[in-house]
């Protein structure tokens, strides 16, 4: 399981664990590191931890193992790398501060216009 299928499966697991404001961002034309980001909000660090544990457990049952999981010092931003999908589980405070959606939206038009001008 990979790509969009994997991202959609992860979203379902997050929904079942009551993760909020879940977004899939297609970045495959923007970076070589992954195809999709799944970003969601957990209410507190313990909720973020519970979401990440559930994602890891459900995917392990499907024989999908993360390349890496970084929970940081306090689990307020957890990054899970599944190759074609990177999952970001953040508290609302971290999500507002880092605003990954805005960063990737700002980069997207610049990359697209650079590619067009090189043609």
PDB file of N, CA and C in Angstrom:
ATOM      1  N   UNK A   1       0.854  -1.172   0.000  1.00  0.00           N
ATOM      2  CA  UNK A   1       0.000   0.000   0.000  1.00  0.00           C
ATOM      3  C   UNK A   1       0.902   1.237   0.000  1.00  0.00           C
ATOM      4  N   UNK A   2       0.622   2.164  -0.927  1.00  0.00           N
ATOM      5  CA  UNK A   2       1.375   3.403  -0.962  1.00  0.00           C
ATOM      6  C   UNK A   2       0.589   4.496  -1.666  1.00  0.00           C
ATOM      7  N   UNK A   3       1.181   5.675  -1.723  1.00  0.00           N
ATOM      8  CA  UNK A   3       0.579   6.802  -2.415  1.00  0.00           C
ATOM      9  C   UNK A   3      -0.767   7.204  -1.874  1.00  0.00           C
ATOM     10  N   UNK A   4      -1.662   7.526  -2.779  1.00  0.00           N
ATOM     11  CA  UNK A   4      -2.992   8.032  -2.418  1.00  0.00           C
ATOM     12  C   UNK A   4      -3.787   7.000  -1.610  1.00  0.00           C
ATOM     13  N   UNK A   5      -3.651   5.726  -1.932  1.00  0.00           N
ATOM     14  CA  UNK A   5      -4.343   4.667  -1.188  1.00  0.00           C
ATOM     15  C   UNK A   5      -3.888   4.665   0.270  1.00  0.00           C
ATOM     16  N   UNK A   6      -2.584   4.773   0.483  1.00  0.00           N
ATOM     17  CA  UNK A   6      -2.041   4.820   1.833  1.00  0.00           C
ATOM     18  C   UNK A   6      -2.507   6.077   2.557  1.00  0.00           C
ATOM     19  N   UNK A   7      -2.457   7.214   1.887  1.00  0.00           N
ATOM     20  CA  UNK A   7      -2.899   8.480   2.497  1.00  0.00           C
ATOM     21  C   UNK A   7      -4.364   8.393   2.930  1.00  0.00           C
ATOM     22  N   UNK A   8      -5.211   7.855   2.068  1.00  0.00           N
ATOM     23  CA  UNK A   8      -6.634   7.725   2.402  1.00  0.00           C
ATOM     24  C   UNK A   8      -6.856   6.769   3.575  1.00  0.00           C
ATOM     25  N   UNK A   9      -6.092   5.689   3.634  1.00  0.00           N
ATOM     26  CA  UNK A   9      -6.202   4.755   4.753  1.00  0.00           C
ATOM     27  C   UNK A   9      -5.814   5.450   6.060  1.00  0.00           C
ATOM     28  N   UNK A  10      -4.727   6.208   6.029  1.00  0.00           N
ATOM     29  CA  UNK A  10      -4.271   6.941   7.207  1.00  0.00           C
ATOM     30  C   UNK A  10      -5.323   7.942   7.663  1.00  0.00           C
ATOM     31  N   UNK A  11      -5.945   8.636   6.724  1.00  0.00           N
ATOM     32  CA  UNK A  11      -7.009   9.588   7.065  1.00  0.00           C
ATOM     33  C   UNK A  11      -8.136   8.878   7.810  1.00  0.00           C
ATOM     34  N   UNK A  12      -8.526   7.706   7.351  1.00  0.00           N
ATOM     35  CA  UNK A  12      -9.602   6.948   8.004  1.00  0.00           C
ATOM     36  C   UNK A  12      -9.223   6.591   9.445  1.00  0.00           C
ATOM     37  N   UNK A  13      -7.975   6.160   9.632  1.00  0.00           N
ATOM     38  CA  UNK A  13      -7.510   5.827  10.986  1.00  0.00           C
ATOM     39  C   UNK A  13      -7.548   7.068  11.877  1.00  0.00           C
ATOM     40  N   UNK A  14      -7.095   8.193  11.344  1.00  0.00           N
ATOM     41  CA  UNK A  14      -7.095   9.444  12.111  1.00  0.00           C
ATOM     42  C   UNK A  14      -8.518   9.863  12.454  1.00  0.00           C
ATOM     43  N   UNK A  15      -9.433   9.748  11.497  1.00  0.00           N
ATOM     44  CA  UNK A  15     -10.841  10.073  11.761  1.00  0.00           C
ATOM     45  C   UNK A  15     -11.395   9.210  12.890  1.00  0.00           C
ATOM     46  N   UNK A  16     -11.077   7.922  12.860  1.00  0.00           N
ATOM     47  CA  UNK A  16     -11.553   7.007  13.897  1.00  0.00           C
ATOM     48  C   UNK A  16     -11.007   7.370  15.271  1.00  0.00           C
ATOM     49  N   UNK A  17      -9.828   8.005  15.321  1.00  0.00           N
ATOM     50  CA  UNK A  17      -9.211   8.416  16.587  1.00  0.00           C
ATOM     51  C   UNK A  17      -9.539   9.869  16.927  1.00  0.00           C
ATOM     52  N   UNK A  18     -10.495  10.435  16.185  1.00  0.00           N
ATOM     53  CA  UNK A  18     -10.993  11.793  16.446  1.00  0.00           C
ATOM     54  C   UNK A  18      -9.966  12.901  16.192  1.00  0.00           C
ATOM     55  N   UNK A  19      -9.028  12.644  15.257  1.00  0.00           N
ATOM     56  CA  UNK A  19      -8.138  13.715  14.817  1.00  0.00           C
ATOM     57  C   UNK A  19      -8.971  14.762  14.091  1.00  0.00           C
ATOM     58  N   UNK A  20      -8.529  15.998  14.128  1.00  0.00           N
ATOM     59  CA  UNK A  20      -9.305  17.104  13.553  1.00  0.00           C
ATOM     60  C   UNK A  20      -8.572  17.768  12.397  1.00  0.00           C
ATOM     61  N   UNK A  21      -9.336  18.486  11.585  1.00  0.00           N
ATOM     62  CA  UNK A  21      -8.816  19.295  10.477  1.00  0.00           C
ATOM     63  C   UNK A  21      -7.795  18.506   9.646  1.00  0.00           C
ATOM     64  N   UNK A  22      -8.221  17.351   9.174  1.00  0.00           N
ATOM     65  CA  UNK A  22      -7.340  16.448   8.436  1.00  0.00           C
ATOM     66  C   UNK A  22      -7.226  16.907   6.989  1.00  0.00           C
ATOM     67  N   UNK A  23      -5.990  16.996   6.503  1.00  0.00           N
ATOM     68  CA  UNK A  23      -5.766  17.406   5.121  1.00  0.00           C
ATOM     69  C   UNK A  23      -4.755  16.486   4.468  1.00  0.00           C
ATOM     70  N   UNK A  24      -5.006  16.208   3.200  1.00  0.00           N
ATOM     71  CA  UNK A  24      -4.014  15.524   2.360  1.00  0.00           C
ATOM     72  C   UNK A  24      -3.483  16.569   1.390  1.00  0.00           C
ATOM     73  N   UNK A  25      -2.172  16.710   1.334  1.00  0.00           N
ATOM     74  CA  UNK A  25      -1.549  17.649   0.398  1.00  0.00           C
ATOM     75  C   UNK A  25      -0.701  16.839  -0.582  1.00  0.00           C
ATOM     76  N   UNK A  26      -0.995  16.981  -1.850  1.00  0.00           N
ATOM     77  CA  UNK A  26      -0.255  16.305  -2.911  1.00  0.00           C
ATOM     78  C   UNK A  26       0.997  17.133  -3.212  1.00  0.00           C
ATOM     79  N   UNK A  27       2.158  16.591  -2.886  1.00  0.00           N
ATOM     80  CA  UNK A  27       3.414  17.311  -3.092  1.00  0.00           C
ATOM     81  C   UNK A  27       4.344  16.604  -4.078  1.00  0.00           C
ATOM     82  N   UNK A  28       3.823  15.605  -4.782  1.00  0.00           N
ATOM     83  CA  UNK A  28       4.713  14.802  -5.631  1.00  0.00           C
ATOM     84  C   UNK A  28       5.357  15.603  -6.759  1.00  0.00           C
ATOM     85  N   UNK A  29       4.752  16.702  -7.189  1.00  0.00           N
ATOM     86  CA  UNK A  29       5.363  17.538  -8.226  1.00  0.00           C
ATOM     87  C   UNK A  29       6.265  18.611  -7.622  1.00  0.00           C
ATOM     88  N   UNK A  30       6.279  18.683  -6.278  1.00  0.00           N
ATOM     89  CA  UNK A  30       7.020  19.744  -5.602  1.00  0.00           C
ATOM     90  C   UNK A  30       8.302  19.270  -4.933  1.00  0.00           C
ATOM     91  N   UNK A  31       8.391  17.980  -4.632  1.00  0.00           N
ATOM     92  CA  UNK A  31       9.541  17.457  -3.899  1.00  0.00           C
ATOM     93  C   UNK A  31       9.754  15.986  -4.232  1.00  0.00           C
ATOM     94  N   UNK A  32      10.971  15.546  -4.049  1.00  0.00           N
ATOM     95  CA  UNK A  32      11.263  14.128  -4.278  1.00  0.00           C
ATOM     96  C   UNK A  32      11.176  13.316  -2.993  1.00  0.00           C
ATOM     97  N   UNK A  33      10.969  13.977  -1.846  1.00  0.00           N
ATOM     98  CA  UNK A  33      10.997  13.246  -0.576  1.00  0.00           C
ATOM     99  C   UNK A  33       9.744  12.410  -0.322  1.00  0.00           C
ATOM    100  N   UNK A  34       8.621  12.804  -0.884  1.00  0.00           N
ATOM    101  CA  UNK A  34       7.366  12.077  -0.662  1.00  0.00           C
ATOM    102  C   UNK A  34       6.354  12.496  -1.718  1.00  0.00           C
ATOM    103  N   UNK A  35       5.236  11.791  -1.765  1.00  0.00           N
ATOM    104  CA  UNK A  35       4.151  12.149  -2.686  1.00  0.00           C
ATOM    105  C   UNK A  35       3.037  12.928  -1.985  1.00  0.00           C
ATOM    106  N   UNK A  36       2.775  12.579  -0.724  1.00  0.00           N
ATOM    107  CA  UNK A  36       1.666  13.196   0.008  1.00  0.00           C
ATOM    108  C   UNK A  36       2.056  13.503   1.441  1.00  0.00           C
ATOM    109  N   UNK A  37       1.510  14.608   1.943  1.00  0.00           N
ATOM    110  CA  UNK A  37       1.508  14.892   3.372  1.00  0.00           C
ATOM    111  C   UNK A  37       0.093  14.656   3.858  1.00  0.00           C
ATOM    112  N   UNK A  38      -0.042  14.010   5.004  1.00  0.00           N
ATOM    113  CA  UNK A  38      -1.315  13.975   5.721  1.00  0.00           C
ATOM    114  C   UNK A  38      -1.067  14.791   6.980  1.00  0.00           C
ATOM    115  N   UNK A  39      -1.848  15.832   7.165  1.00  0.00           N
ATOM    116  CA  UNK A  39      -1.684  16.721   8.314  1.00  0.00           C
ATOM    117  C   UNK A  39      -2.975  16.708   9.118  1.00  0.00           C
ATOM    118  N   UNK A  40      -2.837  16.590  10.436  1.00  0.00           N
ATOM    119  CA  UNK A  40      -4.020  16.647  11.288  1.00  0.00           C
ATOM    120  C   UNK A  40      -3.672  17.276  12.625  1.00  0.00           C
ATOM    121  N   UNK A  41      -4.725  17.605  13.369  1.00  0.00           N
ATOM    122  CA  UNK A  41      -4.575  18.218  14.676  1.00  0.00           C
ATOM    123  C   UNK A  41      -5.091  17.275  15.750  1.00  0.00           C
ATOM    124  N   UNK A  42      -4.304  17.147  16.812  1.00  0.00           N
ATOM    125  CA  UNK A  42      -4.736  16.448  18.013  1.00  0.00           C
ATOM    126  C   UNK A  42      -4.975  17.476  19.104  1.00  0.00           C
ATOM    127  N   UNK A  43      -5.902  17.203  20.003  1.00  0.00           N
ATOM    128  CA  UNK A  43      -6.286  18.201  20.995  1.00  0.00           C
ATOM    129  C   UNK A  43      -5.168  18.533  21.987  1.00  0.00           C
ATOM    130  N   UNK A  44      -4.408  17.545  22.418  1.00  0.00           N
ATOM    131  CA  UNK A  44      -3.268  17.726  23.325  1.00  0.00           C
ATOM    132  C   UNK A  44      -2.203  16.712  22.923  1.00  0.00           C
ATOM    133  N   UNK A  45      -1.024  16.818  23.527  1.00  0.00           N
ATOM    134  CA  UNK A  45       0.071  15.929  23.129  1.00  0.00           C
ATOM    135  C   UNK A  45      -0.288  14.448  23.305  1.00  0.00           C
ATOM    136  N   UNK A  46      -1.040  14.118  24.356  1.00  0.00           N
ATOM    137  CA  UNK A  46      -1.443  12.729  24.563  1.00  0.00           C
ATOM    138  C   UNK A  46      -2.357  12.237  23.441  1.00  0.00           C
ATOM    139  N   UNK A  47      -3.202  13.116  22.941  1.00  0.00           N
ATOM    140  CA  UNK A  47      -4.078  12.768  21.823  1.00  0.00           C
ATOM    141  C   UNK A  47      -3.242  12.552  20.558  1.00  0.00           C
ATOM    142  N   UNK A  48      -2.262  13.431  20.327  1.00  0.00           N
ATOM    143  CA  UNK A  48      -1.362  13.264  19.177  1.00  0.00           C
ATOM    144  C   UNK A  48      -0.654  11.920  19.254  1.00  0.00           C
ATOM    145  N   UNK A  49      -0.179  11.593  20.450  1.00  0.00           N
ATOM    146  CA  UNK A  49       0.501  10.319  20.661  1.00  0.00           C
ATOM    147  C   UNK A  49      -0.428   9.136  20.388  1.00  0.00           C
ATOM    148  N   UNK A  50      -1.673   9.230  20.855  1.00  0.00           N
ATOM    149  CA  UNK A  50      -2.650   8.157  20.641  1.00  0.00           C
ATOM    150  C   UNK A  50      -2.950   7.989  19.149  1.00  0.00           C
ATOM    151  N   UNK A  51      -3.062   9.096  18.433  1.00  0.00           N
ATOM    152  CA  UNK A  51      -3.308   9.035  16.985  1.00  0.00           C
ATOM    153  C   UNK A  51      -2.137   8.341  16.292  1.00  0.00           C
ATOM    154  N   UNK A  52      -0.917   8.761  16.622  1.00  0.00           N
ATOM    155  CA  UNK A  52       0.250   8.166  15.951  1.00  0.00           C
ATOM    156  C   UNK A  52       0.378   6.683  16.280  1.00  0.00           C
ATOM    157  N   UNK A  53       0.103   6.312  17.527  1.00  0.00           N
ATOM    158  CA  UNK A  53       0.159   4.892  17.898  1.00  0.00           C
ATOM    159  C   UNK A  53      -0.860   4.077  17.113  1.00  0.00           C
ATOM    160  N   UNK A  54      -2.052   4.636  16.932  1.00  0.00           N
ATOM    161  CA  UNK A  54      -3.106   3.937  16.190  1.00  0.00           C
ATOM    162  C   UNK A  54      -2.738   3.794  14.713  1.00  0.00           C
ATOM    163  N   UNK A  55      -2.212   4.863  14.125  1.00  0.00           N
ATOM    164  CA  UNK A  55      -1.769   4.801  12.720  1.00  0.00           C
ATOM    165  C   UNK A  55      -0.707   3.716  12.571  1.00  0.00           C
ATOM    166  N   UNK A  56       0.277   3.736  13.456  1.00  0.00           N
ATOM    167  CA  UNK A  56       1.362   2.757  13.377  1.00  0.00           C
ATOM    168  C   UNK A  56       0.837   1.328  13.553  1.00  0.00           C
ATOM    169  N   UNK A  57      -0.059   1.134  14.510  1.00  0.00           N
ATOM    170  CA  UNK A  57      -0.612  -0.201  14.774  1.00  0.00           C
ATOM    171  C   UNK A  57      -1.434  -0.727  13.595  1.00  0.00           C
ATOM    172  N   UNK A  58      -2.337   0.122  13.061  1.00  0.00           N
ATOM    173  CA  UNK A  58      -3.198  -0.311  11.947  1.00  0.00           C
ATOM    174  C   UNK A  58      -2.377  -0.618  10.695  1.00  0.00           C
ATOM    175  N   UNK A  59      -1.347   0.190  10.441  1.00  0.00           N
ATOM    176  CA  UNK A  59      -0.516  -0.056   9.265  1.00  0.00           C
ATOM    177  C   UNK A  59       0.381  -1.269   9.457  1.00  0.00           C
ATOM    178  N   UNK A  60       0.832  -1.498  10.680  1.00  0.00           N
ATOM    179  CA  UNK A  60       1.654  -2.682  10.954  1.00  0.00           C
ATOM    180  C   UNK A  60       0.869  -3.954  10.653  1.00  0.00           C
ATOM    181  N   UNK A  61      -0.432  -3.945  10.954  1.00  0.00           N
ATOM    182  CA  UNK A  61      -1.285  -5.097  10.644  1.00  0.00           C
ATOM    183  C   UNK A  61      -1.365  -5.345   9.142  1.00  0.00           C
ATOM    184  N   UNK A  62      -1.144  -4.299   8.358  1.00  0.00           N
ATOM    185  CA  UNK A  62      -1.152  -4.420   6.898  1.00  0.00           C
ATOM    186  C   UNK A  62       0.270  -4.572   6.352  1.00  0.00           C
ATOM    187  N   UNK A  63       1.204  -4.805   7.271  1.00  0.00           N
ATOM    188  CA  UNK A  63       2.611  -5.010   6.927  1.00  0.00           C
ATOM    189  C   UNK A  63       3.264  -3.761   6.322  1.00  0.00           C
ATOM    190  N   UNK A  64       2.793  -2.598   6.757  1.00  0.00           N
ATOM    191  CA  UNK A  64       3.375  -1.323   6.339  1.00  0.00           C
ATOM    192  C   UNK A  64       4.065  -0.732   7.570  1.00  0.00           C
ATOM    193  N   UNK A  65       5.378  -0.624   7.493  1.00  0.00           N
ATOM    194  CA  UNK A  65       6.196  -0.181   8.616  1.00  0.00           C
ATOM    195  C   UNK A  65       6.778   1.203   8.282  1.00  0.00           C
ATOM    196  N   UNK A  66       6.777   2.120   9.253  1.00  0.00           N
ATOM    197  CA  UNK A  66       7.338   3.446   8.965  1.00  0.00           C
ATOM    198  C   UNK A  66       8.855   3.399   8.793  1.00  0.00           C
ATOM    199  N   UNK A  67       9.353   4.273   7.950  1.00  0.00           N
ATOM    200  CA  UNK A  67      10.797   4.442   7.807  1.00  0.00           C
ATOM    201  C   UNK A  67      11.337   5.082   9.088  1.00  0.00           C
ATOM    202  N   UNK A  68      10.576   6.056   9.594  1.00  0.00           N
ATOM    203  CA  UNK A  68      10.943   6.681  10.862  1.00  0.00           C
ATOM    204  C   UNK A  68       9.719   7.340  11.481  1.00  0.00           C
ATOM    205  N   UNK A  69       9.784   7.495  12.792  1.00  0.00           N
ATOM    206  CA  UNK A  69       8.760   8.220  13.544  1.00  0.00           C
ATOM    207  C   UNK A  69       9.499   9.140  14.505  1.00  0.00           C
ATOM    208  N   UNK A  70       9.178  10.432  14.450  1.00  0.00           N
ATOM    209  CA  UNK A  70       9.805  11.407  15.340  1.00  0.00           C
ATOM    210  C   UNK A  70       8.717  12.059  16.179  1.00  0.00           C
ATOM    211  N   UNK A  71       8.734  11.783  17.464  1.00  0.00           N
ATOM    212  CA  UNK A  71       7.731  12.348  18.376  1.00  0.00           C
ATOM    213  C   UNK A  71       8.253  13.575  19.108  1.00  0.00           C
ATOM    214  N   UNK A  72       9.476  13.962  18.845  1.00  0.00           N
ATOM    215  CA  UNK A  72      10.048  15.117  19.527  1.00  0.00           C
ATOM    216  C   UNK A  72      10.106  14.900  21.025  1.00  0.00           C
ATOM    217  N   UNK A  73      10.360  15.959  21.740  1.00  0.00           N
ATOM    218  CA  UNK A  73      10.489  15.863  23.197  1.00  0.00           C
ATOM    219  C   UNK A  73       9.144  15.765  23.893  1.00  0.00           C
ATOM    220  N   UNK A  74       8.097  16.298  23.248  1.00  0.00           N
ATOM    221  CA  UNK A  74       6.824  16.403  23.960  1.00  0.00           C
ATOM    222  C   UNK A  74       5.595  15.957  23.167  1.00  0.00           C
ATOM    223  N   UNK A  75       5.771  15.345  22.022  1.00  0.00           N
ATOM    224  CA  UNK A  75       4.673  14.823  21.191  1.00  0.00           C
ATOM    225  C   UNK A  75       3.664  15.888  20.751  1.00  0.00           C
ATOM    226  N   UNK A  76       4.100  17.149  20.667  1.00  0.00           N
ATOM    227  CA  UNK A  76       3.198  18.193  20.156  1.00  0.00           C
ATOM    228  C   UNK A  76       3.265  18.292  18.632  1.00  0.00           C
ATOM    229  N   UNK A  77       4.302  17.681  18.035  1.00  0.00           N
ATOM    230  CA  UNK A  77       4.391  17.534  16.574  1.00  0.00           C
ATOM    231  C   UNK A  77       5.044  16.184  16.320  1.00  0.00           C
ATOM    232  N   UNK A  78       4.288  15.280  15.782  1.00  0.00           N
ATOM    233  CA  UNK A  78       4.783  13.945  15.478  1.00  0.00           C
ATOM    234  C   UNK A  78       4.848  13.799  13.960  1.00  0.00           C
ATOM    235  N   UNK A  79       6.003  13.389  13.465  1.00  0.00           N
ATOM    236  CA  UNK A  79       6.178  13.146  12.031  1.00  0.00           C
ATOM    237  C   UNK A  79       6.413  11.659  11.825  1.00  0.00           C
ATOM    238  N   UNK A  80       5.632  11.075  10.911  1.00  0.00           N
ATOM    239  CA  UNK A  80       5.738   9.646  10.606  1.00  0.00           C
ATOM    240  C   UNK A  80       6.017   9.512   9.115  1.00  0.00           C
ATOM    241  N   UNK A  81       7.150   8.923   8.790  1.00  0.00           N
ATOM    242  CA  UNK A  81       7.564   8.804   7.387  1.00  0.00           C
ATOM    243  C   UNK A  81       7.263   7.393   6.877  1.00  0.00           C
ATOM    244  N   UNK A  82       6.321   7.327   5.935  1.00  0.00           N
ATOM    245  CA  UNK A  82       5.979   6.055   5.295  1.00  0.00           C
ATOM    246  C   UNK A  82       6.414   6.039   3.829  1.00  0.00           C
ATOM    247  N   UNK A  83       7.438   6.802   3.509  1.00  0.00           N
ATOM    248  CA  UNK A  83       7.942   6.835   2.136  1.00  0.00           C
ATOM    249  C   UNK A  83       7.091   7.717   1.255  1.00  0.00           C
ATOM    250  N   UNK A  84       6.068   7.164   0.649  1.00  0.00           N
ATOM    251  CA  UNK A  84       5.218   7.944  -0.254  1.00  0.00           C
ATOM    252  C   UNK A  84       4.250   8.861   0.489  1.00  0.00           C
ATOM    253  N   UNK A  85       4.154   8.688   1.814  1.00  0.00           N
ATOM    254  CA  UNK A  85       3.286   9.542   2.642  1.00  0.00           C
ATOM    255  C   UNK A  85       4.037   9.907   3.923  1.00  0.00           C
ATOM    256  N   UNK A  86       4.035  11.197   4.238  1.00  0.00           N
ATOM    257  CA  UNK A  86       4.550  11.652   5.526  1.00  0.00           C
ATOM    258  C   UNK A  86       3.373  12.219   6.305  1.00  0.00           C
ATOM    259  N   UNK A  87       3.206  11.729   7.527  1.00  0.00           N
ATOM    260  CA  UNK A  87       2.092  12.131   8.385  1.00  0.00           C
ATOM    261  C   UNK A  87       2.608  13.128   9.409  1.00  0.00           C
ATOM    262  N   UNK A  88       1.898  14.255   9.531  1.00  0.00           N
ATOM    263  CA  UNK A  88       2.209  15.269  10.540  1.00  0.00           C
ATOM    264  C   UNK A  88       1.009  15.358  11.481  1.00  0.00           C
ATOM    265  N   UNK A  89       1.227  15.024  12.742  1.00  0.00           N
ATOM    266  CA  UNK A  89       0.178  15.098  13.756  1.00  0.00           C
ATOM    267  C   UNK A  89       0.626  16.170  14.740  1.00  0.00           C
ATOM    268  N   UNK A  90      -0.170  17.244  14.859  1.00  0.00           N
ATOM    269  CA  UNK A  90       0.266  18.404  15.638  1.00  0.00           C
ATOM    270  C   UNK A  90      -0.840  18.899  16.560  1.00  0.00           C
ATOM    271  N   UNK A  91      -0.415  19.494  17.673  1.00  0.00           N
ATOM    272  CA  UNK A  91      -1.396  20.215  18.481  1.00  0.00           C
ATOM    273  C   UNK A  91      -1.791  21.461  17.696  1.00  0.00           C
ATOM    274  N   UNK A  92      -2.904  22.059  18.063  1.00  0.00           N
ATOM    275  CA  UNK A  92      -3.381  23.252  17.347  1.00  0.00           C
ATOM    276  C   UNK A  92      -2.345  24.372  17.393  1.00  0.00           C
ATOM    277  N   UNK A  93      -1.704  24.548  18.541  1.00  0.00           N
ATOM    278  CA  UNK A  93      -0.701  25.601  18.690  1.00  0.00           C
ATOM    279  C   UNK A  93       0.464  25.400  17.718  1.00  0.00           C
ATOM    280  N   UNK A  94       0.994  24.193  17.639  1.00  0.00           N
ATOM    281  CA  UNK A  94       2.103  23.906  16.711  1.00  0.00           C
ATOM    282  C   UNK A  94       1.660  24.049  15.261  1.00  0.00           C
ATOM    283  N   UNK A  95       0.462  23.598  14.984  1.00  0.00           N
ATOM    284  CA  UNK A  95      -0.021  23.656  13.606  1.00  0.00           C
ATOM    285  C   UNK A  95      -0.183  25.093  13.134  1.00  0.00           C
ATOM    286  N   UNK A  96      -0.725  25.943  13.997  1.00  0.00           N
ATOM    287  CA  UNK A  96      -0.861  27.364  13.638  1.00  0.00           C
ATOM    288  C   UNK A  96       0.507  28.013  13.467  1.00  0.00           C
ATOM    289  N   UNK A  97       1.437  27.683  14.356  1.00  0.00           N
ATOM    290  CA  UNK A  97       2.760  28.300  14.320  1.00  0.00           C
ATOM    291  C   UNK A  97       3.525  27.915  13.053  1.00  0.00           C
ATOM    292  N   UNK A  98       3.572  26.632  12.729  1.00  0.00           N
ATOM    293  CA  UNK A  98       4.357  26.176  11.574  1.00  0.00           C
ATOM    294  C   UNK A  98       3.597  26.284  10.257  1.00  0.00           C
ATOM    295  N   UNK A  99       2.289  26.188  10.287  1.00  0.00           N
ATOM    296  CA  UNK A  99       1.421  26.420   9.130  1.00  0.00           C
ATOM    297  C   UNK A  99       1.946  25.769   7.837  1.00  0.00           C
ATOM    298  N   UNK A 100       2.131  24.453   7.892  1.00  0.00           N
ATOM    299  CA  UNK A 100       2.674  23.718   6.746  1.00  0.00           C
ATOM    300  C   UNK A 100       1.848  23.902   5.475  1.00  0.00           C
ATOM    301  N   UNK A 101       0.540  23.966   5.619  1.00  0.00           N
ATOM    302  CA  UNK A 101      -0.314  24.143   4.434  1.00  0.00           C
ATOM    303  C   UNK A 101       0.051  25.425   3.699  1.00  0.00           C
ATOM    304  N   UNK A 102       0.243  26.519   4.419  1.00  0.00           N
ATOM    305  CA  UNK A 102       0.572  27.803   3.801  1.00  0.00           C
ATOM    306  C   UNK A 102       1.933  27.722   3.106  1.00  0.00           C
ATOM    307  N   UNK A 103       2.891  27.105   3.767  1.00  0.00           N
ATOM    308  CA  UNK A 103       4.231  26.995   3.183  1.00  0.00           C
ATOM    309  C   UNK A 103       4.173  26.273   1.842  1.00  0.00           C
ATOM    310  N   UNK A 104       3.478  25.142   1.783  1.00  0.00           N
ATOM    311  CA  UNK A 104       3.420  24.365   0.546  1.00  0.00           C
ATOM    312  C   UNK A 104       2.575  25.055  -0.513  1.00  0.00           C
ATOM    313  N   UNK A 105       1.553  25.810  -0.103  1.00  0.00           N
ATOM    314  CA  UNK A 105       0.763  26.564  -1.080  1.00  0.00           C
ATOM    315  C   UNK A 105       1.599  27.696  -1.681  1.00  0.00           C
ATOM    316  N   UNK A 106       2.446  28.326  -0.872  1.00  0.00           N
ATOM    317  CA  UNK A 106       3.302  29.398  -1.377  1.00  0.00           C
ATOM    318  C   UNK A 106       4.367  28.866  -2.329  1.00  0.00           C
ATOM    319  N   UNK A 107       4.908  27.702  -2.038  1.00  0.00           N
ATOM    320  CA  UNK A 107       5.954  27.105  -2.867  1.00  0.00           C
ATOM    321  C   UNK A 107       5.391  26.613  -4.193  1.00  0.00           C
ATOM    322  N   UNK A 108       4.198  26.052  -4.166  1.00  0.00           N
ATOM    323  CA  UNK A 108       3.612  25.425  -5.348  1.00  0.00           C
ATOM    324  C   UNK A 108       3.579  26.341  -6.572  1.00  0.00           C
ATOM    325  N   UNK A 109       3.020  27.558  -6.490  1.00  0.00           N
ATOM    326  CA  UNK A 109       2.989  28.407  -7.693  1.00  0.00           C
ATOM    327  C   UNK A 109       4.378  28.800  -8.173  1.00  0.00           C
ATOM    328  N   UNK A 110       5.331  29.009  -7.245  1.00  0.00           N
ATOM    329  CA  UNK A 110       6.688  29.392  -7.633  1.00  0.00           C
ATOM    330  C   UNK A 110       7.364  28.267  -8.400  1.00  0.00           C
ATOM    331  N   UNK A 111       7.199  27.043  -7.941  1.00  0.00           N
ATOM    332  CA  UNK A 111       7.799  25.899  -8.631  1.00  0.00           C
ATOM    333  C   UNK A 111       7.156  25.731 -10.003  1.00  0.00           C
ATOM    334  N   UNK A 112       5.841  25.855 -10.053  1.00  0.00           N
ATOM    335  CA  UNK A 112       5.139  25.719 -11.333  1.00  0.00           C
ATOM    336  C   UNK A 112       5.612  26.785 -12.317  1.00  0.00           C
ATOM    337  N   UNK A 113       5.762  28.041 -11.878  1.00  0.00           N
ATOM    338  CA  UNK A 113       6.173  29.098 -12.800  1.00  0.00           C
ATOM    339  C   UNK A 113       7.637  28.916 -13.215  1.00  0.00           C
ATOM    340  N   UNK A 114       8.497  28.417 -12.314  1.00  0.00           N
ATOM    341  CA  UNK A 114       9.880  28.141 -12.690  1.00  0.00           C
ATOM    342  C   UNK A 114       9.952  27.052 -13.744  1.00  0.00           C
ATOM    343  N   UNK A 115       9.147  26.033 -13.620  1.00  0.00           N
ATOM    344  CA  UNK A 115       9.158  24.942 -14.605  1.00  0.00           C
ATOM    345  C   UNK A 115       8.683  25.437 -15.961  1.00  0.00           C
ATOM    346  N   UNK A 116       7.667  26.312 -15.963  1.00  0.00           N
ATOM    347  CA  UNK A 116       7.144  26.831 -17.232  1.00  0.00           C
ATOM    348  C   UNK A 116       8.174  27.712 -17.915  1.00  0.00           C
ATOM    349  N   UNK A 117       8.904  28.534 -17.150  1.00  0.00           N
ATOM    350  CA  UNK A 117       9.860  29.448 -17.776  1.00  0.00           C
ATOM    351  C   UNK A 117      11.084  28.715 -18.330  1.00  0.00           C
ATOM    352  N   UNK A 118      11.376  27.522 -17.829  1.00  0.00           N
ATOM    353  CA  UNK A 118      12.516  26.749 -18.329  1.00  0.00           C
ATOM    354  C   UNK A 118      12.154  25.956 -19.591  1.00  0.00           C
ATOM    355  N   UNK A 119      10.897  25.880 -19.928  1.00  0.00           N
ATOM    356  CA  UNK A 119      10.466  25.077 -21.091  1.00  0.00           C
ATOM    357  C   UNK A 119      10.840  25.753 -22.388  1.00  0.00           C
TER     358      UNK A 119
END
